[in-house]
């Protein structure tokens, strides 16, 4: 299974913030959409970076309430890992585990296709394993 298959099931809607958005605005968007990260996009719809809940909490611990006045561009992670449509779920899992992050943008060149979360990955892997178990049960039942 590929990340493209996950996006086909979950959709391609991605929460975005302008680089000038305040972290207070970003936090409100994260809370209202019940998500853990938001992509920071420029006016040409190019991904500039990502801001996650962890980024906000870490900055709050270091800078206190001043964090809420910072901009997305100031807090975002600039160097982000990305997947491509053909990236397998196993490869995406390995990338997220090695990089210790929970959200992975999916790109086609410079074009954003969507974003997958660790929750999306876990759901896909569980579904895949359930299908394999069902196939094995059917095989065993047919052989009996």
C-alpha atoms as a PDB file:
ATOM      1  CA  UNK A   1       0.000   0.000   0.000  1.00  0.00           C
ATOM      2  CA  UNK A   2       1.198   3.514  -0.821  1.00  0.00           C
ATOM      3  CA  UNK A   3       0.569   6.908   0.747  1.00  0.00           C
ATOM      4  CA  UNK A   4      -1.424   7.762  -2.402  1.00  0.00           C
ATOM      5  CA  UNK A   5      -3.918   5.054  -1.387  1.00  0.00           C
ATOM      6  CA  UNK A   6      -4.231   6.627   2.070  1.00  0.00           C
ATOM      7  CA  UNK A   7      -4.863  10.049   0.515  1.00  0.00           C
ATOM      8  CA  UNK A   8      -7.468   8.558  -1.810  1.00  0.00           C
ATOM      9  CA  UNK A   9      -9.346   7.288   1.244  1.00  0.00           C
ATOM     10  CA  UNK A  10      -8.866  10.244   3.612  1.00  0.00           C
ATOM     11  CA  UNK A  11      -8.879  13.089   1.102  1.00  0.00           C
ATOM     12  CA  UNK A  12      -6.405  15.756   0.148  1.00  0.00           C
ATOM     13  CA  UNK A  13      -7.616  18.702   2.229  1.00  0.00           C
ATOM     14  CA  UNK A  14      -4.636  20.187   4.055  1.00  0.00           C
ATOM     15  CA  UNK A  15      -4.701  22.840   6.765  1.00  0.00           C
ATOM     16  CA  UNK A  16      -2.471  25.752   5.762  1.00  0.00           C
ATOM     17  CA  UNK A  17      -1.194  28.918   7.344  1.00  0.00           C
ATOM     18  CA  UNK A  18       0.466  31.965   5.872  1.00  0.00           C
ATOM     19  CA  UNK A  19       4.001  32.630   7.102  1.00  0.00           C
ATOM     20  CA  UNK A  20       2.686  35.813   8.761  1.00  0.00           C
ATOM     21  CA  UNK A  21      -0.015  34.004  10.783  1.00  0.00           C
ATOM     22  CA  UNK A  22       0.554  34.267  14.523  1.00  0.00           C
ATOM     23  CA  UNK A  23       1.060  31.143  16.572  1.00  0.00           C
ATOM     24  CA  UNK A  24      -2.140  32.059  18.424  1.00  0.00           C
ATOM     25  CA  UNK A  25      -3.958  31.835  15.071  1.00  0.00           C
ATOM     26  CA  UNK A  26      -2.195  28.588  14.204  1.00  0.00           C
ATOM     27  CA  UNK A  27      -3.132  27.093  17.582  1.00  0.00           C
ATOM     28  CA  UNK A  28      -6.772  28.082  17.079  1.00  0.00           C
ATOM     29  CA  UNK A  29      -6.788  26.378  13.679  1.00  0.00           C
ATOM     30  CA  UNK A  30      -5.154  23.246  15.070  1.00  0.00           C
ATOM     31  CA  UNK A  31      -7.733  23.081  17.854  1.00  0.00           C
ATOM     32  CA  UNK A  32     -10.765  23.805  15.673  1.00  0.00           C
ATOM     33  CA  UNK A  33      -9.769  21.192  13.075  1.00  0.00           C
ATOM     34  CA  UNK A  34      -8.560  18.712  15.706  1.00  0.00           C
ATOM     35  CA  UNK A  35      -5.218  18.213  13.977  1.00  0.00           C
ATOM     36  CA  UNK A  36      -1.630  18.129  15.161  1.00  0.00           C
ATOM     37  CA  UNK A  37       0.229  20.079  12.479  1.00  0.00           C
ATOM     38  CA  UNK A  38      -0.250  22.722   9.826  1.00  0.00           C
ATOM     39  CA  UNK A  39       1.751  23.464   6.710  1.00  0.00           C
ATOM     40  CA  UNK A  40       3.116  26.957   6.197  1.00  0.00           C
ATOM     41  CA  UNK A  41       2.571  27.946   2.557  1.00  0.00           C
ATOM     42  CA  UNK A  42       3.677  30.992   0.591  1.00  0.00           C
ATOM     43  CA  UNK A  43       1.436  32.959  -1.780  1.00  0.00           C
ATOM     44  CA  UNK A  44       2.453  30.656  -4.669  1.00  0.00           C
ATOM     45  CA  UNK A  45       1.159  27.656  -2.658  1.00  0.00           C
ATOM     46  CA  UNK A  46       4.668  26.322  -2.086  1.00  0.00           C
ATOM     47  CA  UNK A  47       5.410  24.536   1.185  1.00  0.00           C
ATOM     48  CA  UNK A  48       7.749  26.610   3.328  1.00  0.00           C
ATOM     49  CA  UNK A  49       7.620  24.496   6.471  1.00  0.00           C
ATOM     50  CA  UNK A  50       5.422  22.882   9.087  1.00  0.00           C
ATOM     51  CA  UNK A  51       4.280  23.877  12.578  1.00  0.00           C
ATOM     52  CA  UNK A  52       3.267  21.094  14.937  1.00  0.00           C
ATOM     53  CA  UNK A  53       1.785  20.961  18.404  1.00  0.00           C
ATOM     54  CA  UNK A  54       5.201  19.865  19.638  1.00  0.00           C
ATOM     55  CA  UNK A  55       6.808  22.979  18.131  1.00  0.00           C
ATOM     56  CA  UNK A  56       4.306  25.188  19.938  1.00  0.00           C
ATOM     57  CA  UNK A  57       4.664  23.412  23.285  1.00  0.00           C
ATOM     58  CA  UNK A  58       8.462  23.497  23.057  1.00  0.00           C
ATOM     59  CA  UNK A  59       8.426  27.210  22.310  1.00  0.00           C
ATOM     60  CA  UNK A  60       5.967  27.887  25.127  1.00  0.00           C
ATOM     61  CA  UNK A  61       8.328  26.113  27.529  1.00  0.00           C
ATOM     62  CA  UNK A  62      11.256  28.204  26.305  1.00  0.00           C
ATOM     63  CA  UNK A  63       9.662  31.589  25.542  1.00  0.00           C
ATOM     64  CA  UNK A  64       6.406  31.565  27.495  1.00  0.00           C
ATOM     65  CA  UNK A  65       3.421  33.520  26.247  1.00  0.00           C
ATOM     66  CA  UNK A  66       5.612  35.439  23.762  1.00  0.00           C
ATOM     67  CA  UNK A  67       5.245  32.326  21.595  1.00  0.00           C
ATOM     68  CA  UNK A  68       1.651  33.259  20.796  1.00  0.00           C
ATOM     69  CA  UNK A  69       2.831  36.515  19.187  1.00  0.00           C
ATOM     70  CA  UNK A  70       5.467  34.799  17.033  1.00  0.00           C
ATOM     71  CA  UNK A  71       4.692  34.076  13.389  1.00  0.00           C
ATOM     72  CA  UNK A  72       4.404  30.690  11.731  1.00  0.00           C
ATOM     73  CA  UNK A  73       7.548  31.524   9.745  1.00  0.00           C
ATOM     74  CA  UNK A  74       9.491  32.112  12.961  1.00  0.00           C
ATOM     75  CA  UNK A  75       8.465  28.830  14.577  1.00  0.00           C
ATOM     76  CA  UNK A  76       8.101  26.448  11.641  1.00  0.00           C
ATOM     77  CA  UNK A  77      10.405  23.576  10.898  1.00  0.00           C
ATOM     78  CA  UNK A  78      11.948  24.515   7.566  1.00  0.00           C
ATOM     79  CA  UNK A  79      13.749  21.344   6.619  1.00  0.00           C
ATOM     80  CA  UNK A  80      10.947  18.820   6.334  1.00  0.00           C
ATOM     81  CA  UNK A  81      10.860  15.271   5.069  1.00  0.00           C
ATOM     82  CA  UNK A  82       8.326  14.556   2.362  1.00  0.00           C
ATOM     83  CA  UNK A  83       6.824  11.470   0.787  1.00  0.00           C
ATOM     84  CA  UNK A  84       5.785  10.945  -2.804  1.00  0.00           C
ATOM     85  CA  UNK A  85       2.658   9.224  -4.127  1.00  0.00           C
ATOM     86  CA  UNK A  86       4.560   5.961  -4.639  1.00  0.00           C
ATOM     87  CA  UNK A  87       6.077   5.949  -1.140  1.00  0.00           C
ATOM     88  CA  UNK A  88       4.944   2.783   0.603  1.00  0.00           C
ATOM     89  CA  UNK A  89       3.311   2.785   4.010  1.00  0.00           C
ATOM     90  CA  UNK A  90       6.333   0.866   5.345  1.00  0.00           C
ATOM     91  CA  UNK A  91       8.708   3.521   3.952  1.00  0.00           C
ATOM     92  CA  UNK A  92       6.586   6.335   5.415  1.00  0.00           C
ATOM     93  CA  UNK A  93       6.560   4.564   8.783  1.00  0.00           C
ATOM     94  CA  UNK A  94      10.347   4.247   8.702  1.00  0.00           C
ATOM     95  CA  UNK A  95      10.762   7.931   7.778  1.00  0.00           C
ATOM     96  CA  UNK A  96       8.475   9.071  10.598  1.00  0.00           C
ATOM     97  CA  UNK A  97      10.085   6.778  13.149  1.00  0.00           C
ATOM     98  CA  UNK A  98      13.645   7.737  12.218  1.00  0.00           C
ATOM     99  CA  UNK A  99      12.827  11.456  12.101  1.00  0.00           C
ATOM    100  CA  UNK A 100      10.628  11.351  15.219  1.00  0.00           C
ATOM    101  CA  UNK A 101       7.769  13.279  13.603  1.00  0.00           C
ATOM    102  CA  UNK A 102       4.081  12.506  13.152  1.00  0.00           C
ATOM    103  CA  UNK A 103       3.049  14.354   9.974  1.00  0.00           C
ATOM    104  CA  UNK A 104       4.398  13.773   6.485  1.00  0.00           C
ATOM    105  CA  UNK A 105       3.528  15.963   3.482  1.00  0.00           C
ATOM    106  CA  UNK A 106       3.030  14.065   0.236  1.00  0.00           C
ATOM    107  CA  UNK A 107       4.430  15.869  -2.806  1.00  0.00           C
ATOM    108  CA  UNK A 108       4.510  15.471  -6.571  1.00  0.00           C
ATOM    109  CA  UNK A 109       7.507  17.612  -7.432  1.00  0.00           C
ATOM    110  CA  UNK A 110       6.613  21.046  -6.024  1.00  0.00           C
ATOM    111  CA  UNK A 111       2.888  20.251  -5.897  1.00  0.00           C
ATOM    112  CA  UNK A 112       1.347  19.299  -2.559  1.00  0.00           C
ATOM    113  CA  UNK A 113      -0.866  16.211  -2.828  1.00  0.00           C
ATOM    114  CA  UNK A 114      -1.828  15.981   0.846  1.00  0.00           C
ATOM    115  CA  UNK A 115      -0.490  15.060   4.245  1.00  0.00           C
ATOM    116  CA  UNK A 116      -0.511  11.788   6.157  1.00  0.00           C
ATOM    117  CA  UNK A 117      -0.288  11.465   9.913  1.00  0.00           C
ATOM    118  CA  UNK A 118       1.011   8.630  12.011  1.00  0.00           C
ATOM    119  CA  UNK A 119      -2.641   7.869  12.821  1.00  0.00           C
ATOM    120  CA  UNK A 120      -3.394   7.492   9.100  1.00  0.00           C
ATOM    121  CA  UNK A 121      -0.409   5.161   8.772  1.00  0.00           C
ATOM    122  CA  UNK A 122      -1.493   3.015  11.733  1.00  0.00           C
ATOM    123  CA  UNK A 123      -5.066   2.746  10.379  1.00  0.00           C
ATOM    124  CA  UNK A 124      -3.752   1.697   6.964  1.00  0.00           C
ATOM    125  CA  UNK A 125      -1.433  -0.923   8.434  1.00  0.00           C
ATOM    126  CA  UNK A 126      -4.188  -2.334  10.641  1.00  0.00           C
ATOM    127  CA  UNK A 127      -6.555  -2.514   7.679  1.00  0.00           C
ATOM    128  CA  UNK A 128      -3.902  -4.239   5.604  1.00  0.00           C
ATOM    129  CA  UNK A 129      -3.241  -6.783   8.369  1.00  0.00           C
ATOM    130  CA  UNK A 130      -6.963  -7.467   8.811  1.00  0.00           C
ATOM    131  CA  UNK A 131      -7.249  -8.170   5.081  1.00  0.00           C
ATOM    132  CA  UNK A 132      -4.305 -10.558   5.267  1.00  0.00           C
ATOM    133  CA  UNK A 133      -5.845 -12.390   8.241  1.00  0.00           C
ATOM    134  CA  UNK A 134      -9.179 -12.678   6.405  1.00  0.00           C
ATOM    135  CA  UNK A 135      -7.406 -14.059   3.335  1.00  0.00           C
ATOM    136  CA  UNK A 136      -5.524 -16.611   5.428  1.00  0.00           C
ATOM    137  CA  UNK A 137      -8.732 -17.664   7.207  1.00  0.00           C
ATOM    138  CA  UNK A 138     -10.483 -18.116   3.865  1.00  0.00           C
ATOM    139  CA  UNK A 139      -7.533 -20.122   2.568  1.00  0.00           C
ATOM    140  CA  UNK A 140      -7.445 -22.376   5.623  1.00  0.00           C
ATOM    141  CA  UNK A 141     -11.230 -22.846   5.566  1.00  0.00           C
ATOM    142  CA  UNK A 142     -11.088 -23.762   1.867  1.00  0.00           C
ATOM    143  CA  UNK A 143      -8.282 -26.262   2.461  1.00  0.00           C
ATOM    144  CA  UNK A 144     -10.127 -28.037   5.291  1.00  0.00           C
END
